[in-house]
Protein backbone atom coordinates (compact mmCIF):
# COMPACT_ATOMS: atom_id res chain seq x y z
CA UNK A 1 3.94 -36.23 -12.57
CA UNK A 2 2.88 -32.74 -12.02
CA UNK A 3 -0.54 -32.37 -12.88
CA UNK A 4 -1.23 -28.81 -11.65
CA UNK A 5 -2.87 -26.33 -14.39
CA UNK A 6 -2.97 -22.82 -14.18
CA UNK A 7 -5.29 -19.91 -15.88
CA UNK A 8 -3.94 -16.50 -16.49
CA UNK A 9 -5.09 -13.14 -18.37
CA UNK A 10 -2.71 -12.17 -21.45
CA UNK A 11 -3.72 -9.52 -24.04
CA UNK A 12 -7.29 -9.27 -22.85
CA UNK A 13 -7.90 -13.45 -23.26
CA UNK A 14 -7.64 -16.28 -20.74
CA UNK A 15 -4.89 -18.49 -21.29
CA UNK A 16 -4.26 -22.12 -19.95
CA UNK A 17 -1.07 -23.66 -19.56
CA UNK A 18 1.18 -24.64 -16.43
CA UNK A 19 2.01 -23.18 -13.62
CA UNK A 20 5.43 -23.43 -14.57
CA UNK A 21 5.05 -21.80 -18.21
CA UNK A 22 3.60 -18.77 -15.94
CA UNK A 23 6.41 -18.06 -13.68
CA UNK A 24 8.76 -18.73 -16.36
CA UNK A 25 10.64 -15.41 -15.93
CA UNK A 26 11.31 -16.02 -11.67
CA UNK A 27 12.48 -19.86 -12.80
CA UNK A 28 15.97 -18.44 -13.31
CA UNK A 29 19.30 -18.21 -11.23
CA UNK A 30 19.44 -15.71 -8.66
CA UNK A 31 15.81 -15.51 -7.24
CA UNK A 32 15.20 -15.67 -3.34
CA UNK A 33 11.02 -15.99 -3.67
CA UNK A 34 9.07 -15.58 -0.18
CA UNK A 35 5.83 -17.27 -0.15
CA UNK A 36 2.99 -15.97 2.06
CA UNK A 37 -0.96 -16.33 2.44
CA UNK A 38 -2.70 -19.49 3.12
CA UNK A 39 -4.65 -22.29 0.97
CA UNK A 40 -1.48 -23.77 -0.69
CA UNK A 41 1.86 -22.32 0.36
CA UNK A 42 3.44 -25.23 1.12
CA UNK A 43 2.38 -27.27 -2.07
CA UNK A 44 3.60 -24.05 -4.62
CA UNK A 45 6.95 -23.93 -2.67
CA UNK A 46 7.66 -28.09 -3.31
CA UNK A 47 6.28 -27.25 -6.99
CA UNK A 48 8.60 -24.19 -7.30
CA UNK A 49 11.29 -26.16 -5.98
CA UNK A 50 11.01 -29.16 -8.67
CA UNK A 51 10.66 -26.87 -11.75
CA UNK A 52 14.20 -25.02 -10.64
CA UNK A 53 15.47 -28.51 -9.64
CA UNK A 54 14.64 -29.50 -13.36
CA UNK A 55 16.57 -26.97 -14.59
CA UNK A 56 19.40 -27.70 -12.80
CA UNK A 57 19.48 -25.20 -10.49
CA UNK A 58 20.89 -25.82 -6.79
CA UNK A 59 17.64 -25.12 -5.37
CA UNK A 60 16.83 -24.60 -1.42
CA UNK A 61 13.31 -24.86 0.32
CA UNK A 62 13.35 -23.49 3.77
CA UNK A 63 11.34 -21.18 5.98
CA UNK A 64 11.46 -18.09 7.94
CA UNK A 65 8.74 -20.01 10.21
CA UNK A 66 7.81 -23.56 10.28
CA UNK A 67 6.85 -26.11 7.34
CA UNK A 68 6.48 -29.67 7.90
CA UNK A 69 9.40 -31.82 8.24
CA UNK A 70 9.46 -33.88 4.96
CA UNK A 71 11.43 -37.91 5.91
CA UNK A 72 15.06 -36.25 4.26
CA UNK A 73 16.49 -32.63 5.26
CA UNK A 74 19.76 -30.87 5.17
CA UNK A 75 21.31 -29.45 8.61
CA UNK A 76 24.20 -28.73 6.33
CA UNK A 77 25.84 -27.25 3.26
CA UNK A 78 27.55 -30.77 2.59
CA UNK A 79 23.73 -31.94 2.52
CA UNK A 80 22.88 -29.76 0.63
CA UNK A 81 25.51 -30.39 -1.97
CA UNK A 82 24.81 -34.13 -2.21
CA UNK A 83 20.88 -33.21 -3.23
CA UNK A 84 21.92 -31.11 -5.71
CA UNK A 85 24.98 -33.18 -6.86
CA UNK A 86 21.60 -36.08 -7.39
CA UNK A 87 19.60 -33.28 -9.14
CA UNK A 88 17.22 -32.79 -6.39
CA UNK A 89 16.60 -29.56 -4.51
CA UNK A 90 16.97 -29.35 -0.87
CA UNK A 91 14.71 -28.75 2.51
CA UNK A 92 16.91 -26.95 4.86
CA UNK A 93 16.16 -26.21 8.57
CA UNK A 94 16.21 -27.66 12.11
CA UNK A 95 13.53 -29.70 14.03
CA UNK A 96 10.86 -28.31 15.71
CA UNK A 97 8.50 -30.58 18.05
CA UNK A 98 7.26 -33.62 16.26
CA UNK A 99 7.07 -32.92 12.57
CA UNK A 100 8.30 -29.67 11.60
CA UNK A 101 11.42 -27.87 10.75
CA UNK A 102 12.02 -24.35 11.98
CA UNK A 103 14.43 -21.96 10.32
CA UNK A 104 18.15 -23.06 9.89
CA UNK A 105 20.81 -21.99 12.17
CA UNK A 106 22.15 -18.35 10.97
CA UNK A 107 25.17 -19.83 9.45
CA UNK A 108 23.77 -22.36 7.26
CA UNK A 109 21.13 -19.61 6.32
CA UNK A 110 23.75 -17.10 5.32
CA UNK A 111 25.84 -20.30 3.25
CA UNK A 112 22.43 -21.20 1.63
CA UNK A 113 21.74 -17.63 0.63
CA UNK A 114 25.45 -16.91 -0.69
CA UNK A 115 25.41 -20.56 -2.51
CA UNK A 116 22.12 -21.77 -4.30
CA UNK A 117 21.22 -20.64 -7.47
CA UNK A 118 17.12 -20.25 -6.07
CA UNK A 119 15.73 -20.25 -2.77
CA UNK A 120 12.08 -20.58 -1.87
CA UNK A 121 11.10 -19.65 1.47
CA UNK A 122 7.67 -19.46 3.40
CA UNK A 123 7.43 -16.53 5.24
CA UNK A 124 4.34 -17.06 7.25
CA UNK A 125 2.17 -19.96 8.76
CA UNK A 126 -1.86 -20.25 8.19
CA UNK A 127 -2.34 -23.36 10.14
CA UNK A 128 -3.39 -25.35 7.40
CA UNK A 129 -6.41 -22.37 6.54
CA UNK A 130 -7.21 -20.89 2.74
CA UNK A 131 -6.88 -17.64 3.58
CA UNK A 132 -5.31 -15.37 6.45
CA UNK A 133 -4.16 -11.27 7.50
CA UNK A 134 -0.79 -11.06 8.89
CA UNK A 135 -0.37 -10.82 12.59
CA UNK A 136 2.11 -7.48 13.62
CA UNK A 137 5.22 -10.23 13.78
CA UNK A 138 4.27 -11.57 9.92
CA UNK A 139 5.38 -12.21 7.34
CA UNK A 140 9.37 -12.82 7.93
CA UNK A 141 10.51 -11.69 4.64
CA UNK A 142 14.31 -11.79 4.60
CA UNK A 143 16.01 -8.58 3.02
CA UNK A 144 17.65 -10.85 0.02
CA UNK A 145 14.01 -11.82 -1.12
CA UNK A 146 13.26 -10.15 -4.57
CA UNK A 147 9.98 -12.13 -5.01
CA UNK A 148 6.90 -12.13 -3.03
CA UNK A 149 4.51 -14.91 -3.76
CA UNK A 150 0.83 -14.20 -1.84
CA UNK A 151 -1.11 -17.65 -1.84
CA UNK A 152 -5.39 -17.28 -1.40
CA UNK A 153 -7.38 -20.76 -1.25
CA UNK A 154 -10.86 -20.20 -3.46
CA UNK A 155 -12.45 -22.82 -1.18
CA UNK A 156 -12.49 -19.88 1.58
CA UNK A 157 -15.47 -18.38 -0.58
CA UNK A 158 -18.79 -18.23 0.65
CA UNK A 159 -17.49 -19.61 3.97
CA UNK A 160 -17.49 -17.63 7.33
CA UNK A 161 -14.21 -15.94 8.38
CA UNK A 162 -14.16 -17.70 11.55
CA UNK A 163 -14.04 -20.98 10.17
CA UNK A 164 -11.63 -20.46 7.01
CA UNK A 165 -9.24 -17.72 8.16
CA UNK A 166 -6.36 -17.49 10.09
CA UNK A 167 -5.85 -14.50 12.26
CA UNK A 168 -9.54 -14.01 12.12
CA UNK A 169 -9.66 -11.15 14.12
CA UNK A 170 -7.17 -9.14 12.00
CA UNK A 171 -8.97 -10.36 9.02
CA UNK A 172 -12.14 -8.75 10.25
CA UNK A 173 -10.41 -5.47 11.13
CA UNK A 174 -8.88 -5.35 7.58
CA UNK A 175 -12.74 -5.94 6.04
CA UNK A 176 -14.46 -4.01 8.57
CA UNK A 177 -16.92 -6.90 9.35
CA UNK A 178 -17.73 -9.51 12.13
CA UNK A 179 -16.74 -13.19 12.31
CA UNK A 180 -19.75 -14.64 10.64
CA UNK A 181 -19.44 -12.48 7.38
CA UNK A 182 -18.71 -14.93 4.85
CA UNK A 183 -15.87 -14.10 2.17
CA UNK A 184 -17.04 -12.61 -1.02
CA UNK A 185 -14.28 -12.33 -3.89
CA UNK A 186 -13.98 -8.08 -3.33
CA UNK A 187 -12.71 -9.50 0.13
CA UNK A 188 -10.34 -12.21 -1.43
CA UNK A 189 -8.91 -9.22 -3.62
CA UNK A 190 -8.90 -6.76 -0.65
CA UNK A 191 -7.00 -9.62 1.45
CA UNK A 192 -4.27 -10.01 -1.66
CA UNK A 193 -4.05 -6.55 -2.58
CA UNK A 194 -3.77 -4.71 0.93
CA UNK A 195 -0.69 -3.49 2.54
CA UNK A 196 -1.90 -4.60 5.83
CA UNK A 197 -3.04 -8.37 4.22
CA UNK A 198 -1.00 -10.30 1.85
CA UNK A 199 1.20 -7.48 0.66
CA UNK A 200 2.29 -6.39 3.98
CA UNK A 201 6.25 -6.05 4.22
CA UNK A 202 6.43 -6.61 -0.10
CA UNK A 203 7.97 -3.17 -0.29
CA UNK A 204 9.08 -3.05 -3.87
CA UNK A 205 9.50 -6.41 -4.32
CA UNK A 206 8.14 -8.46 -7.38
CA UNK A 207 4.50 -9.36 -6.39
CA UNK A 208 2.44 -12.19 -7.35
CA UNK A 209 -0.94 -13.77 -6.39
CA UNK A 210 -1.76 -17.14 -6.89
CA UNK A 211 -5.45 -18.46 -6.38
CA UNK A 212 -5.39 -21.80 -5.78
CA UNK A 213 -7.86 -24.75 -5.69
CA UNK A 214 -9.40 -23.36 -8.82
CA UNK A 215 -10.94 -27.31 -9.01
CA UNK A 216 -14.51 -26.65 -10.64
CA UNK A 217 -16.36 -24.84 -12.87
CA UNK A 218 -17.81 -22.52 -10.10
CA UNK A 219 -14.44 -21.95 -8.56
CA UNK A 220 -12.73 -20.88 -12.05
CA UNK A 221 -15.82 -18.68 -12.57
CA UNK A 222 -15.30 -17.22 -9.22
CA UNK A 223 -11.40 -17.04 -9.85
CA UNK A 224 -11.99 -15.07 -12.89
CA UNK A 225 -14.17 -12.41 -11.27
CA UNK A 226 -11.22 -11.93 -9.07
CA UNK A 227 -8.74 -11.95 -11.11
CA UNK A 228 -11.27 -8.91 -13.19
CA UNK A 229 -11.00 -7.41 -9.75
CA UNK A 230 -7.53 -7.21 -9.56
CA UNK A 231 -7.43 -5.80 -12.95
CA UNK A 232 -9.66 -3.49 -12.13
CA UNK A 233 -7.34 -1.99 -9.26
CA UNK A 234 -4.57 -1.88 -11.72
CA UNK A 235 -2.81 -5.10 -10.58
CA UNK A 236 -1.63 -7.84 -13.24
CA UNK A 237 0.22 -10.60 -11.90
CA UNK A 238 -2.60 -12.80 -10.72
CA UNK A 239 -2.68 -16.41 -12.01
CA UNK A 240 -5.15 -19.20 -11.42
CA UNK A 241 -4.27 -22.55 -10.26
CA UNK A 242 -5.37 -25.94 -9.83
CA UNK A 243 -3.89 -29.28 -8.74
CA UNK A 244 -1.25 -27.61 -6.86
CA UNK A 245 -2.97 -29.17 -2.88
CA UNK A 246 -2.39 -32.87 -4.75
């Protein structure tokens, strides 16, 4: 059973519910969702896929980079259809190394985009760290993607860039700081909204931010401060989540 919870601002008040309730507008047929950032992309990917599958959508989980390989994954459309017939989402890719999947073969990727009702794609990596700034070759967002969701783990706050950030040199360049700088709420907002940060290559796609690991009162307060900063800068599509990493 999902234990995730979400907090967001609506009509000037703090709302609490589930991430599924918050993301209701995108949990419908026809969306291709790209996930970027760090601190919970894989958990969010699986959560959104479960939500879509419960709605009887033919749902595919895949990557344009690398994801961890589950015990069962699909290398053909026939295998995907078996998952969908059983009411499950299909994880698609080809084996990479000992425990990962890379992007599916081009033919399978094209077939997925044509046949699946919903596709949720990890579009960059973070090596398990809670935040990042993209390198020149990142993210890898397909032209078919109409939604981009950027994730940042609140456990990065107060910690040094060199410890909690993937691509720390890019983070330092973006924030004009050194490796020992401890991340603030303002920094988090900058990383999320900058065209050199999580918003890189999002273009005109619908863009959301997820502040994950809001697991105690301190992180809730920090998350709320970041929401206020984002709202100050004219950005509304932001949500705090907890339980996504369980």
